[in-house]
């Protein structure tokens, strides 16, 4: 932190303080966490997915098991895209580069 004294034209001394722009621990944690908007979109999408599976199961009871399996896979992919570990993204990235 730097403090300097300045004189104005009417002779009054003023002090100005400037802090350095060093990143703090809070800034680094915020960058690592997904944003709350992203989490809200994911939660809404998962609720919609569950509702779609329920409605599909009511309309076509014999196809409920495949619908649940597809929904679970979609939820896993969505969670992997949002969560910080990103193992699925790393596997997909490795496959694309080869």
N, C-alpha and C. Protein backbone atom coordinates (compact mmCIF):
# COMPACT_ATOMS: atom_id res chain seq x y z
N UNK A 1 0.85 -1.16 0.00
CA UNK A 1 0.00 0.00 0.00
C UNK A 1 0.89 1.22 0.00
N UNK A 2 0.58 2.21 -0.83
CA UNK A 2 1.37 3.41 -0.97
C UNK A 2 0.53 4.62 -0.60
N UNK A 3 1.12 5.51 0.21
CA UNK A 3 0.44 6.74 0.59
C UNK A 3 1.26 7.91 0.10
N UNK A 4 0.60 8.89 -0.52
CA UNK A 4 1.30 10.08 -0.98
C UNK A 4 0.48 11.31 -0.63
N UNK A 5 1.18 12.41 -0.40
CA UNK A 5 0.51 13.68 -0.06
C UNK A 5 0.56 14.60 -1.27
N UNK A 6 -0.57 15.18 -1.61
CA UNK A 6 -0.66 16.10 -2.73
C UNK A 6 -1.15 17.45 -2.23
N UNK A 7 -0.71 18.51 -2.86
CA UNK A 7 -1.18 19.85 -2.51
C UNK A 7 -2.12 20.34 -3.59
N UNK A 8 -3.26 20.84 -3.18
CA UNK A 8 -4.22 21.39 -4.11
C UNK A 8 -3.89 22.86 -4.34
N UNK A 9 -4.46 23.51 -5.35
CA UNK A 9 -4.14 24.91 -5.64
C UNK A 9 -4.42 25.87 -4.47
N UNK A 10 -5.36 25.54 -3.59
CA UNK A 10 -5.64 26.44 -2.47
C UNK A 10 -4.74 26.15 -1.26
N UNK A 11 -3.75 25.27 -1.39
CA UNK A 11 -2.77 25.05 -0.35
C UNK A 11 -3.12 23.95 0.64
N UNK A 12 -4.21 23.25 0.45
CA UNK A 12 -4.61 22.18 1.38
C UNK A 12 -3.96 20.88 0.93
N UNK A 13 -3.35 20.21 1.89
CA UNK A 13 -2.70 18.94 1.60
C UNK A 13 -3.72 17.82 1.67
N UNK A 14 -3.69 16.95 0.70
CA UNK A 14 -4.57 15.78 0.71
C UNK A 14 -3.73 14.53 0.61
N UNK A 15 -4.19 13.47 1.23
CA UNK A 15 -3.49 12.20 1.17
C UNK A 15 -4.26 11.25 0.29
N UNK A 16 -3.54 10.57 -0.55
CA UNK A 16 -4.16 9.53 -1.37
C UNK A 16 -3.48 8.22 -1.06
N UNK A 17 -4.27 7.19 -0.99
CA UNK A 17 -3.75 5.86 -0.69
C UNK A 17 -4.12 4.94 -1.84
N UNK A 18 -3.14 4.22 -2.32
CA UNK A 18 -3.42 3.25 -3.38
C UNK A 18 -2.92 1.89 -2.93
N UNK A 19 -3.75 0.89 -3.16
CA UNK A 19 -3.38 -0.48 -2.81
C UNK A 19 -2.90 -1.18 -4.08
N UNK A 20 -1.99 -2.11 -3.90
CA UNK A 20 -1.51 -2.84 -5.06
C UNK A 20 -2.59 -3.81 -5.52
N UNK A 21 -2.53 -4.18 -6.77
CA UNK A 21 -3.56 -5.04 -7.35
C UNK A 21 -3.16 -6.51 -7.26
N UNK A 22 -2.57 -6.91 -6.15
CA UNK A 22 -2.17 -8.30 -5.99
C UNK A 22 -3.41 -9.16 -5.80
N UNK A 23 -3.48 -10.31 -6.46
CA UNK A 23 -4.64 -11.18 -6.30
C UNK A 23 -4.69 -11.76 -4.90
N UNK A 24 -5.85 -11.83 -4.36
CA UNK A 24 -6.00 -12.37 -3.01
C UNK A 24 -6.44 -13.82 -3.10
N UNK A 25 -6.51 -14.49 -1.97
CA UNK A 25 -6.94 -15.88 -1.92
C UNK A 25 -8.40 -16.00 -2.32
N UNK A 26 -9.20 -15.00 -2.02
CA UNK A 26 -10.62 -15.04 -2.36
C UNK A 26 -10.78 -15.01 -3.87
N UNK A 27 -9.99 -14.20 -4.57
CA UNK A 27 -10.07 -14.14 -6.02
C UNK A 27 -9.77 -15.49 -6.66
N UNK A 28 -8.75 -16.19 -6.14
CA UNK A 28 -8.40 -17.47 -6.74
C UNK A 28 -9.47 -18.52 -6.48
N UNK A 29 -10.13 -18.46 -5.31
CA UNK A 29 -11.21 -19.40 -5.02
C UNK A 29 -12.39 -19.12 -5.94
N UNK A 30 -12.70 -17.84 -6.19
CA UNK A 30 -13.81 -17.50 -7.07
C UNK A 30 -13.57 -17.98 -8.49
N UNK A 31 -12.34 -17.96 -8.94
CA UNK A 31 -12.05 -18.43 -10.30
C UNK A 31 -12.18 -19.93 -10.41
N UNK A 32 -11.90 -20.67 -9.32
CA UNK A 32 -11.96 -22.12 -9.36
C UNK A 32 -13.39 -22.63 -9.29
N UNK A 33 -14.28 -21.93 -8.62
CA UNK A 33 -15.67 -22.35 -8.46
C UNK A 33 -16.48 -21.96 -9.69
N UNK A 34 -17.41 -22.84 -10.08
CA UNK A 34 -18.31 -22.42 -11.15
C UNK A 34 -19.22 -21.30 -10.65
N UNK A 35 -19.67 -20.47 -11.54
CA UNK A 35 -20.50 -19.35 -11.14
C UNK A 35 -21.86 -19.85 -10.67
N UNK A 36 -22.51 -19.04 -9.84
CA UNK A 36 -23.81 -19.43 -9.33
C UNK A 36 -24.83 -19.48 -10.45
N UNK A 37 -24.67 -18.66 -11.47
CA UNK A 37 -25.59 -18.71 -12.62
C UNK A 37 -25.47 -20.04 -13.33
N UNK A 38 -24.27 -20.50 -13.48
CA UNK A 38 -24.04 -21.78 -14.14
C UNK A 38 -24.65 -22.93 -13.33
N UNK A 39 -24.51 -22.86 -12.00
CA UNK A 39 -25.10 -23.87 -11.14
C UNK A 39 -26.61 -23.84 -11.22
N UNK A 40 -27.19 -22.64 -11.30
CA UNK A 40 -28.64 -22.52 -11.39
C UNK A 40 -29.15 -23.08 -12.70
N UNK A 41 -28.44 -22.84 -13.79
CA UNK A 41 -28.84 -23.38 -15.09
C UNK A 41 -28.75 -24.90 -15.06
N UNK A 42 -27.70 -25.44 -14.44
CA UNK A 42 -27.55 -26.88 -14.35
C UNK A 42 -28.68 -27.49 -13.52
N UNK A 43 -29.00 -26.87 -12.39
CA UNK A 43 -30.08 -27.38 -11.54
C UNK A 43 -31.41 -27.35 -12.28
N UNK A 44 -31.67 -26.29 -13.00
CA UNK A 44 -32.91 -26.19 -13.78
C UNK A 44 -32.96 -27.26 -14.86
N UNK A 45 -31.84 -27.47 -15.52
CA UNK A 45 -31.79 -28.49 -16.57
C UNK A 45 -32.01 -29.88 -16.00
N UNK A 46 -31.44 -30.17 -14.84
CA UNK A 46 -31.62 -31.49 -14.24
C UNK A 46 -33.07 -31.70 -13.80
N UNK A 47 -33.70 -30.66 -13.26
CA UNK A 47 -35.11 -30.77 -12.88
C UNK A 47 -35.97 -31.00 -14.13
N UNK A 48 -35.67 -30.29 -15.19
CA UNK A 48 -36.39 -30.49 -16.45
C UNK A 48 -36.19 -31.89 -17.01
N UNK A 49 -34.98 -32.41 -16.87
CA UNK A 49 -34.68 -33.76 -17.35
C UNK A 49 -35.48 -34.80 -16.57
N UNK A 50 -35.54 -34.63 -15.26
CA UNK A 50 -36.32 -35.56 -14.43
C UNK A 50 -37.80 -35.48 -14.81
N UNK A 51 -38.31 -34.27 -14.99
CA UNK A 51 -39.72 -34.11 -15.38
C UNK A 51 -39.99 -34.76 -16.73
N UNK A 52 -39.07 -34.60 -17.68
CA UNK A 52 -39.25 -35.20 -18.99
C UNK A 52 -39.26 -36.72 -18.90
N UNK A 53 -38.39 -37.29 -18.07
CA UNK A 53 -38.36 -38.75 -17.92
C UNK A 53 -39.65 -39.25 -17.29
N UNK A 54 -40.15 -38.53 -16.29
CA UNK A 54 -41.40 -38.93 -15.64
C UNK A 54 -42.56 -38.89 -16.65
N UNK A 55 -42.65 -37.82 -17.41
CA UNK A 55 -43.72 -37.72 -18.41
C UNK A 55 -43.58 -38.79 -19.49
N UNK A 56 -42.36 -39.04 -19.91
CA UNK A 56 -42.10 -40.08 -20.91
C UNK A 56 -42.48 -41.44 -20.36
N UNK A 57 -42.17 -41.67 -19.07
CA UNK A 57 -42.51 -42.94 -18.44
C UNK A 57 -44.01 -43.13 -18.30
N UNK A 58 -44.74 -42.04 -18.07
CA UNK A 58 -46.20 -42.15 -18.01
C UNK A 58 -46.79 -42.45 -19.39
N UNK A 59 -46.23 -41.84 -20.42
CA UNK A 59 -46.75 -42.04 -21.77
C UNK A 59 -46.34 -43.40 -22.35
N UNK A 60 -45.11 -43.81 -22.08
CA UNK A 60 -44.58 -45.07 -22.62
C UNK A 60 -43.94 -45.88 -21.50
N UNK A 61 -44.73 -46.57 -20.69
CA UNK A 61 -44.17 -47.29 -19.53
C UNK A 61 -43.13 -48.35 -19.91
N UNK A 62 -43.27 -48.96 -21.07
CA UNK A 62 -42.32 -50.01 -21.46
C UNK A 62 -40.94 -49.45 -21.81
N UNK A 63 -40.86 -48.15 -22.07
CA UNK A 63 -39.58 -47.53 -22.42
C UNK A 63 -38.99 -46.71 -21.26
N UNK A 64 -39.49 -46.93 -20.06
CA UNK A 64 -39.02 -46.15 -18.91
C UNK A 64 -37.56 -46.46 -18.58
N UNK A 65 -37.17 -47.72 -18.61
CA UNK A 65 -35.79 -48.08 -18.26
C UNK A 65 -34.76 -47.44 -19.20
N UNK A 66 -34.96 -47.52 -20.53
CA UNK A 66 -33.99 -46.83 -21.40
C UNK A 66 -33.99 -45.31 -21.20
N UNK A 67 -35.16 -44.74 -20.92
CA UNK A 67 -35.23 -43.29 -20.70
C UNK A 67 -34.46 -42.90 -19.45
N UNK A 68 -34.57 -43.70 -18.40
CA UNK A 68 -33.83 -43.42 -17.16
C UNK A 68 -32.33 -43.55 -17.41
N UNK A 69 -31.93 -44.57 -18.16
CA UNK A 69 -30.50 -44.77 -18.45
C UNK A 69 -29.93 -43.59 -19.24
N UNK A 70 -30.66 -43.12 -20.24
CA UNK A 70 -30.19 -41.98 -21.02
C UNK A 70 -30.14 -40.72 -20.16
N UNK A 71 -31.12 -40.54 -19.30
CA UNK A 71 -31.15 -39.37 -18.42
C UNK A 71 -29.98 -39.38 -17.44
N UNK A 72 -29.64 -40.55 -16.92
CA UNK A 72 -28.51 -40.65 -15.99
C UNK A 72 -27.21 -40.31 -16.71
N UNK A 73 -27.04 -40.81 -17.92
CA UNK A 73 -25.83 -40.47 -18.69
C UNK A 73 -25.76 -38.98 -18.99
N UNK A 74 -26.89 -38.38 -19.34
CA UNK A 74 -26.91 -36.94 -19.60
C UNK A 74 -26.56 -36.15 -18.34
N UNK A 75 -27.06 -36.60 -17.19
CA UNK A 75 -26.75 -35.91 -15.93
C UNK A 75 -25.26 -36.04 -15.59
N UNK A 76 -24.68 -37.19 -15.84
CA UNK A 76 -23.25 -37.38 -15.56
C UNK A 76 -22.41 -36.45 -16.44
N UNK A 77 -22.74 -36.37 -17.70
CA UNK A 77 -21.99 -35.49 -18.62
C UNK A 77 -22.16 -34.03 -18.20
N UNK A 78 -23.38 -33.63 -17.84
CA UNK A 78 -23.61 -32.24 -17.43
C UNK A 78 -22.85 -31.90 -16.16
N UNK A 79 -22.87 -32.79 -15.18
CA UNK A 79 -22.14 -32.54 -13.94
C UNK A 79 -20.64 -32.49 -14.19
N UNK A 80 -20.14 -33.33 -15.07
CA UNK A 80 -18.71 -33.33 -15.34
C UNK A 80 -18.28 -32.04 -16.02
N UNK A 81 -19.15 -31.47 -16.83
CA UNK A 81 -18.81 -30.21 -17.49
C UNK A 81 -18.76 -29.05 -16.51
N UNK A 82 -19.51 -29.15 -15.41
CA UNK A 82 -19.58 -28.04 -14.45
C UNK A 82 -18.59 -28.21 -13.31
N UNK A 83 -18.41 -29.42 -12.85
CA UNK A 83 -17.53 -29.63 -11.69
C UNK A 83 -16.07 -29.40 -12.07
N UNK A 84 -15.25 -28.96 -11.10
CA UNK A 84 -13.88 -28.56 -11.41
C UNK A 84 -12.95 -29.71 -11.82
N UNK A 85 -13.24 -30.96 -11.45
CA UNK A 85 -12.30 -32.03 -11.78
C UNK A 85 -12.21 -32.23 -13.28
N UNK A 86 -13.34 -32.31 -13.96
CA UNK A 86 -13.37 -32.38 -15.42
C UNK A 86 -12.68 -33.57 -16.03
N UNK A 87 -12.79 -34.76 -15.41
CA UNK A 87 -12.11 -35.94 -15.94
C UNK A 87 -12.64 -36.31 -17.32
N UNK A 88 -13.94 -36.18 -17.52
CA UNK A 88 -14.51 -36.52 -18.82
C UNK A 88 -13.99 -35.57 -19.90
N UNK A 89 -13.88 -34.29 -19.58
CA UNK A 89 -13.35 -33.33 -20.55
C UNK A 89 -11.92 -33.66 -20.91
N UNK A 90 -11.13 -34.10 -19.93
CA UNK A 90 -9.74 -34.45 -20.20
C UNK A 90 -9.66 -35.64 -21.14
N UNK A 91 -10.54 -36.64 -20.93
CA UNK A 91 -10.54 -37.81 -21.81
C UNK A 91 -10.95 -37.43 -23.22
N UNK A 92 -11.96 -36.59 -23.35
CA UNK A 92 -12.41 -36.16 -24.67
C UNK A 92 -11.33 -35.32 -25.35
N UNK A 93 -10.66 -34.45 -24.58
CA UNK A 93 -9.59 -33.65 -25.13
C UNK A 93 -8.42 -34.49 -25.62
N UNK A 94 -8.09 -35.54 -24.90
CA UNK A 94 -7.00 -36.43 -25.32
C UNK A 94 -7.38 -37.18 -26.58
N UNK A 95 -8.63 -37.55 -26.72
CA UNK A 95 -9.06 -38.29 -27.90
C UNK A 95 -9.03 -37.39 -29.13
N UNK A 96 -9.39 -36.13 -28.97
CA UNK A 96 -9.41 -35.21 -30.10
C UNK A 96 -8.01 -34.89 -30.62
N UNK A 97 -7.02 -34.85 -29.73
CA UNK A 97 -5.67 -34.49 -30.14
C UNK A 97 -4.95 -35.62 -30.85
N UNK A 98 -5.41 -36.86 -30.67
CA UNK A 98 -4.72 -37.98 -31.32
C UNK A 98 -5.27 -38.32 -32.66
